[in-house]
Amino acid sequence: MREESIEKEKVLLVGVDTGEEENFDRSMEELESLAQACGMEVVGLITQKLDAVNKSLYIGSGKVKEARDYARDVEAQAVIFDNALSPSQVRNLNEELGLPVMDRTNLILDIFATRAQTREAKLQVESARLQYLLPRLVGLGDALSRQGGTTGSRSSRGAGETRLELDRRKIERRIAELKRELEEVARERETRRSKRLAARTPQVALVGYTNAGKSTIMNRMVELYGDAPRKLVLEKDMLFATLDTFVRSIDPGDKRPFFLADTVGFIHKLPHGLIKAFQSTLEEIKYADLLVQVVDFSDPEYKRQMDVTADTLRQLGAGNIPMIYVYNKADKVPVEKLPKVSGDHIYLCAVDGIGIAELKDMIQERAYADRREAAFFIPYEKGSEVSYLCENATVLAREYRESGVYLRVCCQKQDADRLERYRTEPEA
């Protein structure tokens, strides 16, 4: 059967180097990767060095003419700019270039829209897109009036303004609807999270740059210590392959289980609106006892990506949570025999499962560092202590006896010390 070829949209990339970007060339390479992830074909690249971006056109007027001519020559169908554009810049560039204009934020939003699978992800992406669009309606009265009649006439200008106001109201109503729906989904997520927290099982979250291998690590963990294959997540070599936060129970069978969350990847210049829209999803990170930062060690810019991850975690209020650093794809870089463990750092190859067992051990060691397995015999008149342990510890064994309750638990060290007078020898 002959496969039908899908014609990709041809795009021209444009960037301005003001000297503020630490690695401007890398930022443009990443923009190209984003365009490709959105199913586009990059047919050209134009850059310009400026002390500051042009307030009206982002790039200089001469460079606009160059971009217009170049876009025509390579038959580009749209132009994408590396940084966020103001509403007036978008309007002016649309007119000058005669082509649809996008910025980096718009491009990432488009990628998220194509990747969203669950109801929550779709609601979050739609909310972010509308929040992005709303201020960009401002100042579009002239453009709208041209659709309603002769440009410049009083009647057509009024029609454009009316259309603009109607669009604004429609978007604002939809944003309000989405907010209510997301609040409902957030309550459901909070209920599930509360149940996990009540179990006192350590919460561990995979974080890091997009396409570093978080989902691959999740799947290898699930295959070895979870309920595979039903619980596997999408694993693909592409930017933002998954947007949803998946939580899986990892139980190696040694009475030290933990919950592992796979979260949406970060990226340089991740739009603030997306962080805000995905706040409830990303809260899994804030509630984690331990973070596992996954790094693409084969990427020459991996240190910069780690800085981006650190900045994003600070924005989320999760900058002080203990962390393990996983240098994935280390098989592509000359290092010592894998896996290699050094303190809180591990070098491995997740796709081949190399280092997963060692990473599991590291997670357990850190997650259970302040926990102790202990046995208690608590008199019935101290029933409140029994209730406390049942709510705040992992109960491994329980037996009701004539004068009290025997409990063998995994609990916080401070709880074990506080209940020292009830300690007894654990039973075989």
Protein backbone atom coordinates (compact mmCIF):
# COMPACT_ATOMS: atom_id res chain seq x y z
CA MET A 1 0.00 0.00 0.00
CA ARG A 2 1.43 3.37 -1.00
CA GLU A 3 1.92 5.84 1.84
CA GLU A 4 0.61 9.34 1.28
CA SER A 5 3.22 12.02 1.88
CA ILE A 6 2.11 14.85 4.11
CA GLU A 7 3.34 18.21 2.89
CA LYS A 8 4.96 20.11 5.74
CA GLU A 9 4.47 23.83 6.28
CA LYS A 10 7.60 25.71 5.21
CA VAL A 11 8.83 28.22 7.76
CA LEU A 12 11.54 30.87 8.00
CA LEU A 13 13.22 31.38 11.39
CA VAL A 14 14.27 34.84 12.61
CA GLY A 15 16.27 35.78 15.69
CA VAL A 16 17.89 38.86 17.22
CA ASP A 17 21.15 38.62 19.12
CA THR A 18 21.26 41.46 21.67
CA GLY A 19 24.12 39.92 23.60
CA GLU A 20 21.85 39.05 26.53
CA GLU A 21 21.49 35.43 25.38
CA GLU A 22 24.30 33.27 26.81
CA ASN A 23 24.28 31.02 23.74
CA PHE A 24 22.28 32.63 20.96
CA ASP A 25 23.21 30.02 18.34
CA ARG A 26 22.00 27.22 20.61
CA SER A 27 18.72 29.05 21.16
CA MET A 28 18.18 29.21 17.40
CA GLU A 29 19.02 25.51 17.04
CA GLU A 30 16.42 24.77 19.69
CA LEU A 31 13.89 26.92 17.84
CA GLU A 32 14.51 24.78 14.75
CA SER A 33 13.95 21.62 16.81
CA LEU A 34 10.69 23.07 18.11
CA ALA A 35 9.53 23.85 14.58
CA GLN A 36 10.35 20.31 13.49
CA ALA A 37 8.53 18.93 16.54
CA CYS A 38 5.51 20.88 15.32
CA GLY A 39 5.70 19.13 11.94
CA MET A 40 7.19 22.08 10.05
CA GLU A 41 10.02 22.25 7.52
CA VAL A 42 12.62 24.95 8.22
CA VAL A 43 13.67 26.45 4.88
CA GLY A 44 15.78 29.36 6.07
CA LEU A 45 17.31 31.28 8.96
CA ILE A 46 17.86 35.01 9.38
CA THR A 47 19.61 36.61 12.36
CA GLN A 48 20.58 40.14 13.29
CA LYS A 49 22.81 41.68 15.94
CA LEU A 50 21.21 44.63 17.73
CA ASP A 51 21.79 46.46 21.00
CA ALA A 52 18.05 46.21 21.61
CA VAL A 53 15.10 44.83 19.66
CA ASN A 54 13.08 47.20 17.47
CA LYS A 55 9.96 48.18 19.42
CA SER A 56 7.80 48.25 16.31
CA LEU A 57 9.18 45.44 14.17
CA TYR A 58 11.46 43.48 16.54
CA ILE A 59 14.13 43.48 13.80
CA GLY A 60 15.38 46.49 11.83
CA SER A 61 13.33 47.78 8.89
CA GLY A 62 16.07 46.80 6.44
CA LYS A 63 16.17 43.29 7.87
CA VAL A 64 12.37 43.08 7.48
CA LYS A 65 12.75 43.69 3.73
CA GLU A 66 15.50 41.08 3.58
CA ALA A 67 13.27 38.59 5.41
CA ARG A 68 10.34 39.33 3.09
CA ASP A 69 12.44 38.77 -0.04
CA TYR A 70 14.11 35.67 1.38
CA ALA A 71 10.75 34.19 2.45
CA ARG A 72 9.47 34.68 -1.09
CA ASP A 73 12.56 33.05 -2.60
CA VAL A 74 12.35 29.91 -0.41
CA GLU A 75 8.54 29.83 -0.61
CA ALA A 76 8.12 30.11 3.15
CA GLN A 77 4.53 29.98 4.36
CA ALA A 78 5.13 31.47 7.80
CA VAL A 79 7.84 33.27 9.80
CA ILE A 80 8.78 32.28 13.35
CA PHE A 81 10.64 34.58 15.74
CA ASP A 82 12.79 33.24 18.57
CA ASN A 83 11.44 35.49 21.31
CA ALA A 84 8.00 36.57 22.45
CA LEU A 85 6.55 39.33 20.26
CA SER A 86 4.28 42.10 21.47
CA PRO A 87 0.79 42.37 19.92
CA SER A 88 1.84 45.45 17.93
CA GLN A 89 4.99 43.73 16.65
CA VAL A 90 2.90 40.77 15.45
CA ARG A 91 0.49 43.10 13.67
CA ASN A 92 3.24 45.18 12.06
CA LEU A 93 5.25 42.16 10.97
CA ASN A 94 2.17 40.48 9.49
CA GLU A 95 1.61 43.57 7.36
CA GLU A 96 5.25 44.03 6.35
CA LEU A 97 6.03 40.39 5.60
CA GLY A 98 2.68 39.46 4.11
CA LEU A 99 2.87 36.11 5.90
CA PRO A 100 1.57 34.64 9.17
CA VAL A 101 3.93 35.47 12.03
CA MET A 102 4.55 33.34 15.10
CA ASP A 103 6.83 33.67 18.10
CA ARG A 104 8.48 31.02 20.24
CA THR A 105 5.64 31.03 22.76
CA ASN A 106 3.04 30.52 20.03
CA LEU A 107 5.11 27.64 18.61
CA ILE A 108 5.40 25.85 21.96
CA LEU A 109 1.67 26.29 22.53
CA ASP A 110 1.01 24.66 19.15
CA ILE A 111 3.23 21.71 20.09
CA PHE A 112 1.43 21.32 23.40
CA ALA A 113 -1.91 21.42 21.60
CA THR A 114 -0.91 18.53 19.32
CA ARG A 115 0.55 16.48 22.22
CA ALA A 116 -2.32 16.90 24.71
CA GLN A 117 -4.12 13.59 25.20
CA THR A 118 -5.98 13.63 28.51
CA ARG A 119 -8.87 15.92 29.37
CA GLU A 120 -6.74 17.80 31.89
CA ALA A 121 -3.90 18.44 29.44
CA LYS A 122 -6.31 19.62 26.75
CA LEU A 123 -7.99 22.02 29.18
CA GLN A 124 -4.63 23.36 30.36
CA VAL A 125 -3.35 23.94 26.84
CA GLU A 126 -6.56 25.63 25.69
CA SER A 127 -6.46 27.91 28.71
CA ALA A 128 -2.84 28.87 28.01
CA ARG A 129 -3.56 29.50 24.32
CA LEU A 130 -6.51 31.77 25.08
CA GLN A 131 -4.56 33.65 27.76
CA TYR A 132 -1.86 34.20 25.12
CA LEU A 133 -4.38 35.30 22.47
CA LEU A 134 -6.44 37.71 24.59
CA PRO A 135 -3.95 40.62 24.84
CA ARG A 136 -3.10 40.16 21.16
CA LEU A 137 -6.64 41.19 20.20
CA VAL A 138 -5.84 44.65 21.49
CA GLY A 139 -5.02 46.99 18.63
CA LEU A 140 -6.45 44.70 15.96
CA GLY A 141 -9.45 46.93 15.27
CA ASP A 142 -8.11 48.05 11.89
CA ALA A 143 -7.39 44.49 10.81
CA LEU A 144 -10.87 43.42 11.82
CA SER A 145 -12.50 46.42 10.14
CA ARG A 146 -10.90 45.46 6.83
CA GLN A 147 -12.92 42.28 7.01
CA GLY A 148 -16.11 44.25 7.51
CA GLY A 149 -15.88 46.91 4.82
CA THR A 150 -13.79 49.71 3.35
CA THR A 151 -10.71 50.49 5.40
CA GLY A 152 -10.83 53.81 7.19
CA SER A 153 -14.60 54.38 6.99
CA ARG A 154 -16.41 55.23 10.22
CA SER A 155 -18.95 52.44 9.75
CA SER A 156 -16.40 49.72 9.06
CA ARG A 157 -14.20 50.85 11.94
CA GLY A 158 -17.18 50.52 14.23
CA ALA A 159 -17.90 47.05 12.88
CA GLY A 160 -14.31 46.06 13.56
CA GLU A 161 -14.44 47.36 17.11
CA THR A 162 -17.71 45.50 17.67
CA ARG A 163 -16.19 42.31 16.33
CA LEU A 164 -13.16 42.81 18.56
CA GLU A 165 -15.30 43.29 21.65
CA LEU A 166 -17.36 40.21 20.82
CA ASP A 167 -14.20 38.16 20.38
CA ARG A 168 -12.83 39.42 23.69
CA ARG A 169 -16.02 38.56 25.53
CA LYS A 170 -16.19 35.12 23.96
CA ILE A 171 -12.58 34.37 24.94
CA GLU A 172 -13.04 35.72 28.47
CA ARG A 173 -16.15 33.55 28.94
CA ARG A 174 -14.29 30.48 27.70
CA ILE A 175 -11.32 31.21 30.00
CA ALA A 176 -13.73 31.40 32.94
CA GLU A 177 -15.31 28.08 31.91
CA LEU A 178 -11.89 26.45 31.61
CA LYS A 179 -10.90 27.77 35.03
CA ARG A 180 -13.93 26.11 36.61
CA GLU A 181 -13.28 22.82 34.80
CA LEU A 182 -9.61 22.85 35.76
CA GLU A 183 -10.50 23.54 39.39
CA GLU A 184 -12.72 20.46 39.30
CA VAL A 185 -9.92 18.35 37.80
CA ALA A 186 -7.49 19.81 40.36
CA ARG A 187 -9.80 18.70 43.20
CA GLU A 188 -9.86 15.19 41.79
CA ARG A 189 -6.07 15.20 41.54
CA GLU A 190 -5.80 16.53 45.08
CA THR A 191 -8.02 13.68 46.32
CA ARG A 192 -5.73 11.10 44.69
CA ARG A 193 -2.64 12.89 45.99
CA SER A 194 -4.08 13.02 49.53
CA LYS A 195 -4.61 9.26 49.48
CA ARG A 196 -1.00 8.72 48.46
CA LEU A 197 0.26 11.12 51.12
CA ALA A 198 -1.89 9.41 53.74
CA ALA A 199 -0.17 6.12 52.92
CA ARG A 200 3.11 7.75 53.97
CA THR A 201 4.83 6.19 50.99
CA PRO A 202 7.66 8.42 49.72
CA GLN A 203 6.77 10.63 46.76
CA VAL A 204 9.47 10.86 44.08
CA ALA A 205 9.24 13.06 40.96
CA LEU A 206 11.23 12.85 37.73
CA VAL A 207 12.11 16.35 36.51
CA GLY A 208 14.34 17.81 33.83
CA TYR A 209 14.67 19.20 30.35
CA THR A 210 12.35 17.94 27.65
CA ASN A 211 13.52 14.79 25.85
CA ALA A 212 16.14 13.96 28.50
CA GLY A 213 14.65 10.50 29.08
CA LYS A 214 12.26 10.85 32.03
CA SER A 215 9.55 8.65 30.49
CA THR A 216 12.14 6.04 29.53
CA ILE A 217 13.34 5.82 33.13
CA MET A 218 9.73 5.62 34.33
CA ASN A 219 9.02 2.72 31.97
CA ARG A 220 12.16 0.78 32.91
CA MET A 221 11.22 1.18 36.60
CA VAL A 222 7.66 0.03 35.96
CA GLU A 223 8.86 -2.96 33.92
CA LEU A 224 11.16 -4.08 36.72
CA TYR A 225 9.19 -3.13 39.81
CA GLY A 226 5.68 -2.15 38.77
CA ASP A 227 2.59 -3.31 36.92
CA ALA A 228 3.82 -3.46 33.31
CA PRO A 229 2.83 -3.24 30.51
CA ARG A 230 -0.51 -1.69 31.44
CA LYS A 231 1.16 1.14 33.30
CA LEU A 232 3.77 2.15 30.71
CA VAL A 233 3.80 5.76 29.45
CA LEU A 234 4.56 7.15 25.99
CA GLU A 235 8.28 6.92 25.30
CA LYS A 236 9.48 8.75 22.19
CA ASP A 237 12.55 10.67 21.03
CA MET A 238 10.89 14.06 20.58
CA LEU A 239 10.38 17.33 22.43
CA PHE A 240 7.39 17.26 24.78
CA ALA A 241 6.38 13.70 23.88
CA THR A 242 4.21 13.63 27.01
CA LEU A 243 2.47 16.50 28.78
CA ASP A 244 0.59 14.69 31.51
CA THR A 245 1.96 13.85 34.93
CA PHE A 246 1.78 10.10 35.44
CA VAL A 247 2.21 8.58 38.90
CA ARG A 248 3.15 4.93 39.26
CA SER A 249 3.65 2.75 42.33
CA ILE A 250 7.14 1.24 42.38
CA ASP A 251 7.35 -1.76 44.73
CA PRO A 252 10.64 -3.70 44.58
CA GLY A 253 9.30 -6.18 47.13
CA ASP A 254 11.64 -5.17 49.97
CA LYS A 255 9.02 -3.22 51.92
CA ARG A 256 10.43 0.10 50.68
CA PRO A 257 7.97 1.13 47.96
CA PHE A 258 7.69 4.64 46.54
CA PHE A 259 5.45 6.58 44.18
CA LEU A 260 7.21 7.81 41.04
CA ALA A 261 5.83 10.76 39.03
CA ASP A 262 6.81 11.51 35.44
CA THR A 263 6.32 15.25 34.83
CA VAL A 264 6.21 17.51 31.77
CA GLY A 265 9.66 18.52 30.54
CA PHE A 266 11.11 22.00 30.88
CA ILE A 267 12.68 24.09 28.14
CA HIS A 268 14.57 27.35 27.71
CA LYS A 269 12.09 30.26 27.67
CA LEU A 270 9.19 28.03 28.73
CA PRO A 271 6.21 30.40 28.52
CA HIS A 272 5.05 31.63 31.92
CA GLY A 273 1.46 31.07 30.81
CA LEU A 274 2.16 27.37 30.36
CA ILE A 275 3.72 27.09 33.80
CA LYS A 276 0.65 28.80 35.23
CA ALA A 277 -1.77 26.65 33.21
CA PHE A 278 0.00 23.44 34.25
CA GLN A 279 0.29 24.53 37.89
CA SER A 280 -1.95 21.80 39.30
CA THR A 281 -0.13 19.13 37.29
CA LEU A 282 3.29 20.42 38.30
CA GLU A 283 2.25 20.49 41.96
CA GLU A 284 3.23 16.81 42.03
CA ILE A 285 6.77 18.20 42.06
CA LYS A 286 6.11 20.47 45.04
CA TYR A 287 4.74 17.60 47.11
CA ALA A 288 7.65 15.28 46.33
CA ASP A 289 9.97 14.08 49.09
CA LEU A 290 12.72 13.62 46.52
CA LEU A 291 13.39 14.90 42.99
CA VAL A 292 15.25 12.93 40.35
CA GLN A 293 16.66 15.32 37.75
CA VAL A 294 17.19 13.54 34.45
CA VAL A 295 19.90 15.07 32.26
CA ASP A 296 20.75 14.30 28.63
CA PHE A 297 24.47 13.84 29.23
CA SER A 298 25.12 13.46 25.48
CA ASP A 299 23.94 17.02 24.81
CA PRO A 300 26.85 19.52 24.81
CA GLU A 301 24.51 22.04 26.43
CA TYR A 302 23.46 19.77 29.32
CA LYS A 303 24.80 22.16 31.99
CA ARG A 304 22.73 25.00 30.56
CA GLN A 305 19.70 22.71 30.56
CA MET A 306 20.32 21.92 34.22
CA ASP A 307 20.35 25.67 34.94
CA VAL A 308 16.99 26.03 33.16
CA THR A 309 15.60 23.16 35.26
CA ALA A 310 16.87 24.78 38.46
CA ASP A 311 15.29 28.13 37.50
CA THR A 312 11.95 26.48 36.67
CA LEU A 313 11.93 24.53 39.94
CA ARG A 314 12.49 27.77 41.83
CA GLN A 315 9.51 29.32 40.01
CA LEU A 316 7.42 26.36 41.15
CA GLY A 317 8.56 26.72 44.75
CA ALA A 318 10.40 23.39 44.63
CA GLY A 319 13.99 24.61 44.64
CA ASN A 320 14.89 23.18 48.07
CA ILE A 321 13.68 19.60 47.69
CA PRO A 322 16.48 16.96 47.94
CA MET A 323 17.65 15.78 44.52
CA ILE A 324 19.39 12.93 42.75
CA TYR A 325 21.10 13.74 39.43
CA VAL A 326 20.76 11.19 36.63
CA TYR A 327 23.07 11.63 33.63
CA ASN A 328 21.18 9.65 31.00
CA LYS A 329 22.44 8.63 27.53
CA ALA A 330 25.94 8.35 29.02
CA ASP A 331 26.62 5.50 26.61
CA LYS A 332 27.04 8.14 23.89
CA VAL A 333 29.85 9.86 25.81
CA PRO A 334 33.26 8.37 26.69
CA VAL A 335 32.92 7.58 30.40
CA GLU A 336 33.94 4.75 32.68
CA LYS A 337 31.97 1.51 32.64
CA LEU A 338 28.25 2.11 33.17
CA PRO A 339 26.53 2.49 35.48
CA LYS A 340 28.72 4.88 37.43
CA VAL A 341 27.57 6.13 40.84
CA SER A 342 29.17 9.05 42.65
CA GLY A 343 27.31 10.38 45.69
CA ASP A 344 23.96 11.75 44.50
CA HIS A 345 25.03 11.45 40.83
CA ILE A 346 24.56 8.44 38.57
CA TYR A 347 25.56 7.93 34.93
CA LEU A 348 23.44 5.40 33.04
CA CYS A 349 21.68 4.40 29.82
CA ALA A 350 17.96 4.16 30.48
CA VAL A 351 16.92 2.92 27.04
CA ASP A 352 18.98 -0.25 27.61
CA GLY A 353 18.04 -0.50 31.29
CA ILE A 354 21.66 0.02 32.37
CA GLY A 355 21.75 1.60 35.83
CA ILE A 356 18.02 1.36 36.62
CA ALA A 357 18.53 -1.04 39.53
CA GLU A 358 21.27 1.18 40.94
CA LEU A 359 19.05 4.25 40.56
CA LYS A 360 16.26 2.43 42.40
CA ASP A 361 18.67 1.74 45.27
CA MET A 362 19.71 5.41 45.37
CA ILE A 363 16.09 6.55 45.45
CA GLN A 364 15.23 4.18 48.28
CA GLU A 365 18.32 5.15 50.26
CA ARG A 366 17.47 8.86 50.03
CA ALA A 367 13.69 8.52 50.33
CA TYR A 368 13.95 6.29 53.39
CA ALA A 369 16.96 8.05 54.95
CA ASP A 370 14.85 9.46 57.78
CA ARG A 371 12.72 6.34 58.15
CA ARG A 372 13.21 3.41 60.49
CA GLU A 373 11.66 -0.02 60.68
CA ALA A 374 10.55 -0.56 64.27
CA ALA A 375 8.24 -2.76 66.33
CA PHE A 376 6.00 -1.38 69.09
CA PHE A 377 3.68 -2.88 71.67
CA ILE A 378 1.18 -0.15 72.60
CA PRO A 379 -1.38 -0.57 75.44
CA TYR A 380 -5.03 -0.14 74.46
CA GLU A 381 -5.31 2.97 76.67
CA LYS A 382 -2.79 4.62 74.32
CA GLY A 383 -5.00 4.04 71.32
CA SER A 384 -4.23 7.51 69.98
CA GLU A 385 -0.62 6.42 69.36
CA VAL A 386 -1.86 3.40 67.40
CA SER A 387 -4.05 5.69 65.30
CA TYR A 388 -1.12 8.06 64.75
CA LEU A 389 1.14 5.28 63.47
CA CYS A 390 -1.57 3.89 61.22
CA GLU A 391 -1.99 7.34 59.65
CA ASN A 392 1.64 8.45 59.55
CA ALA A 393 3.68 5.28 59.00
CA THR A 394 3.71 2.28 56.70
CA VAL A 395 2.24 -0.60 58.70
CA LEU A 396 4.10 -3.83 57.94
CA ALA A 397 2.36 -6.03 60.54
CA ARG A 398 -0.43 -5.57 63.09
CA GLU A 399 -1.77 -7.89 65.79
CA TYR A 400 -4.35 -7.24 68.50
CA ARG A 401 -3.41 -8.91 71.78
CA GLU A 402 -4.86 -9.17 75.27
CA SER A 403 -3.40 -5.94 76.66
CA GLY A 404 -2.45 -3.97 73.59
CA VAL A 405 -1.58 -3.78 69.90
CA TYR A 406 1.61 -5.10 68.33
CA LEU A 407 2.72 -3.00 65.34
CA ARG A 408 5.69 -3.37 63.06
CA VAL A 409 6.04 -0.23 60.97
CA CYS A 410 8.32 1.84 58.79
CA CYS A 411 8.15 5.33 60.29
CA GLN A 412 9.99 8.62 60.57
CA LYS A 413 13.04 8.49 62.87
CA GLN A 414 11.54 11.22 65.06
CA ASP A 415 8.40 9.12 65.57
CA ALA A 416 10.45 6.04 66.44
CA ASP A 417 12.45 8.09 68.99
CA ARG A 418 9.28 9.59 70.51
CA LEU A 419 7.68 6.15 70.98
CA GLU A 420 10.88 4.54 72.23
CA ARG A 421 9.24 3.38 75.49
CA TYR A 422 6.90 1.13 73.50
CA ARG A 423 9.66 -0.46 71.42
CA THR A 424 9.85 -4.24 71.33
CA GLU A 425 11.72 -6.84 69.36
CA PRO A 426 10.31 -7.37 65.85
CA GLU A 427 8.76 -10.78 65.32
CA ALA A 428 10.00 -13.06 62.59
